[in-house]
Structures are given as C-alpha cells and as structure tokens.
C-alpha atoms as a PDB file:
ATOM      1  CA  MET A   1     219.824 173.374  40.250  1.00  0.00           C
ATOM      2  CA  SER A   2     217.476 170.565  41.139  1.00  0.00           C
ATOM      3  CA  GLY A   3     217.248 167.043  39.928  1.00  0.00           C
ATOM      4  CA  HIS A   4     216.301 163.532  40.802  1.00  0.00           C
ATOM      5  CA  PHE A   5     218.846 160.826  41.424  1.00  0.00           C
ATOM      6  CA  GLU A   6     217.832 157.208  41.615  1.00  0.00           C
ATOM      7  CA  LEU A   7     219.784 154.080  42.453  1.00  0.00           C
ATOM      8  CA  PHE A   8     219.026 150.890  40.554  1.00  0.00           C
ATOM      9  CA  GLY A   9     220.171 147.515  41.803  1.00  0.00           C
ATOM     10  CA  CYS A  10     219.718 148.812  45.348  1.00  0.00           C
ATOM     11  CA  GLU A  11     219.804 145.448  47.060  1.00  0.00           C
ATOM     12  CA  SER A  12     222.918 144.166  45.322  1.00  0.00           C
ATOM     13  CA  THR A  13     224.676 147.509  45.810  1.00  0.00           C
ATOM     14  CA  LEU A  14     223.876 147.600  49.519  1.00  0.00           C
ATOM     15  CA  LEU A  15     224.885 143.971  50.037  1.00  0.00           C
ATOM     16  CA  ARG A  16     228.139 144.534  48.159  1.00  0.00           C
ATOM     17  CA  GLU A  17     228.933 147.574  50.324  1.00  0.00           C
ATOM     18  CA  VAL A  18     228.066 145.766  53.560  1.00  0.00           C
ATOM     19  CA  GLY A  19     230.328 142.887  52.530  1.00  0.00           C
ATOM     20  CA  ASP A  20     233.294 145.175  51.816  1.00  0.00           C
ATOM     21  CA  SER A  21     235.370 145.716  54.964  1.00  0.00           C
ATOM     22  CA  ARG A  22     236.661 149.027  53.581  1.00  0.00           C
ATOM     23  CA  ILE A  23     233.159 150.521  53.530  1.00  0.00           C
ATOM     24  CA  LYS A  24     232.074 152.345  56.690  1.00  0.00           C
ATOM     25  CA  GLN A  25     228.613 152.732  58.213  1.00  0.00           C
ATOM     26  CA  LYS A  26     228.275 156.327  57.017  1.00  0.00           C
ATOM     27  CA  ASP A  27     228.922 155.183  53.430  1.00  0.00           C
ATOM     28  CA  VAL A  28     226.283 152.472  53.669  1.00  0.00           C
ATOM     29  CA  ALA A  29     223.885 155.045  55.151  1.00  0.00           C
ATOM     30  CA  VAL A  30     224.187 157.231  52.054  1.00  0.00           C
ATOM     31  CA  THR A  31     223.446 154.267  49.784  1.00  0.00           C
ATOM     32  CA  TYR A  32     220.579 153.234  52.100  1.00  0.00           C
ATOM     33  CA  ALA A  33     219.176 156.770  51.730  1.00  0.00           C
ATOM     34  CA  LEU A  34     219.343 156.506  47.942  1.00  0.00           C
ATOM     35  CA  ALA A  35     217.542 153.164  48.165  1.00  0.00           C
ATOM     36  CA  LEU A  36     214.811 154.778  50.298  1.00  0.00           C
ATOM     37  CA  ARG A  37     214.157 157.223  47.469  1.00  0.00           C
ATOM     38  CA  SER A  38     214.461 154.665  44.671  1.00  0.00           C
ATOM     39  CA  SER A  39     211.635 153.014  42.797  1.00  0.00           C
ATOM     40  CA  ASP A  40     213.810 149.880  42.707  1.00  0.00           C
ATOM     41  CA  ALA A  41     213.018 148.695  46.230  1.00  0.00           C
ATOM     42  CA  PRO A  42     215.445 146.254  47.818  1.00  0.00           C
ATOM     43  CA  ASN A  43     214.357 143.419  50.057  1.00  0.00           C
ATOM     44  CA  TRP A  44     214.777 145.423  53.252  1.00  0.00           C
ATOM     45  CA  ALA A  45     214.771 142.350  55.490  1.00  0.00           C
ATOM     46  CA  THR A  46     217.718 140.883  53.573  1.00  0.00           C
ATOM     47  CA  VAL A  47     219.643 144.157  53.627  1.00  0.00           C
ATOM     48  CA  ASN A  48     218.956 144.773  57.316  1.00  0.00           C
ATOM     49  CA  ARG A  49     220.023 141.229  58.257  1.00  0.00           C
ATOM     50  CA  ALA A  50     223.307 141.686  56.390  1.00  0.00           C
ATOM     51  CA  ILE A  51     223.935 144.984  58.179  1.00  0.00           C
ATOM     52  CA  MET A  52     223.195 143.404  61.569  1.00  0.00           C
ATOM     53  CA  LYS A  53     225.456 140.455  60.774  1.00  0.00           C
ATOM     54  CA  ARG A  54     228.370 142.823  60.143  1.00  0.00           C
ATOM     55  CA  TRP A  55     227.689 145.597  62.659  1.00  0.00           C
ATOM     56  CA  SER A  56     224.938 144.457  65.084  1.00  0.00           C
ATOM     57  CA  PHE A  57     221.468 145.816  65.718  1.00  0.00           C
ATOM     58  CA  SER A  58     222.844 149.101  67.065  1.00  0.00           C
ATOM     59  CA  GLY A  59     224.860 149.491  63.844  1.00  0.00           C
ATOM     60  CA  LEU A  60     221.675 149.044  61.832  1.00  0.00           C
ATOM     61  CA  GLU A  61     219.967 151.679  63.958  1.00  0.00           C
ATOM     62  CA  ARG A  62     222.845 154.154  63.376  1.00  0.00           C
ATOM     63  CA  ILE A  63     222.775 153.520  59.631  1.00  0.00           C
ATOM     64  CA  LYS A  64     218.996 153.932  59.427  1.00  0.00           C
ATOM     65  CA  LYS A  65     219.036 157.123  61.499  1.00  0.00           C
ATOM     66  CA  LEU A  66     221.658 158.719  59.271  1.00  0.00           C
ATOM     67  CA  ALA A  67     219.965 157.414  56.113  1.00  0.00           C
ATOM     68  CA  TRP A  68     216.658 159.016  57.076  1.00  0.00           C
ATOM     69  CA  LYS A  69     218.442 162.343  57.691  1.00  0.00           C
ATOM     70  CA  VAL A  70     220.096 162.160  54.278  1.00  0.00           C
ATOM     71  CA  ALA A  71     216.824 161.165  52.578  1.00  0.00           C
ATOM     72  CA  ALA A  72     214.918 163.966  54.312  1.00  0.00           C
ATOM     73  CA  ALA A  73     217.540 166.519  53.278  1.00  0.00           C
ATOM     74  CA  ALA A  74     217.142 165.317  49.700  1.00  0.00           C
ATOM     75  CA  GLY A  75     213.385 165.806  49.767  1.00  0.00           C
ATOM     76  CA  GLY A  76     211.824 162.903  51.605  1.00  0.00           C
ATOM     77  CA  ASN A  77     211.452 159.284  50.665  1.00  0.00           C
ATOM     78  CA  ARG A  78     209.400 157.086  48.394  1.00  0.00           C
ATOM     79  CA  GLN A  79     209.180 153.949  50.487  1.00  0.00           C
ATOM     80  CA  GLU A  80     209.213 152.738  54.056  1.00  0.00           C
ATOM     81  CA  PRO A  81     211.588 149.825  54.669  1.00  0.00           C
ATOM     82  CA  GLN A  82     210.407 146.820  56.648  1.00  0.00           C
END
C-alpha cells in the first residue's frame, strides 16, 4: 500500500515539539522529515535556531541527519532547508 502523507503547520508543529521538554531529538527528526516532504514549508532558519537553542549545533546536525534518512526512506524530499 502506498500513499502520500503531508504535514501542514510544519513550523508551528516543529517549534511546539522543540519547546516541549518531553520530546526527544529522534521525535523532532521524524517531524522534520515530514516537513522536508511537505508543500507547507516552514521558515527553516527559525526552526533550526530553535533546535540549536535547545540542543546546540551538534543536536541540529543529529536531527537533520536522521531526518534526511527518514525522508529518503519515504521517497525523497520536496524541498531543501536553508
């Protein structure tokens, strides 16, 4: 079975997850991957700054690396974040 899933409100969803101390990096990475494939592009600079504020630059790199793996497994991406 195949299908297309898309996340709307990507930026607000990502920022809400980053701001929630119960949410882990791997969870944010899955949402980040959905945002990569979404036509509702977030402001990547804003999202990335929020991630770095909570977890540091290396945390952002871990999240992006996992997100790209998830997006690739789902069939690629639609957009390249800044």
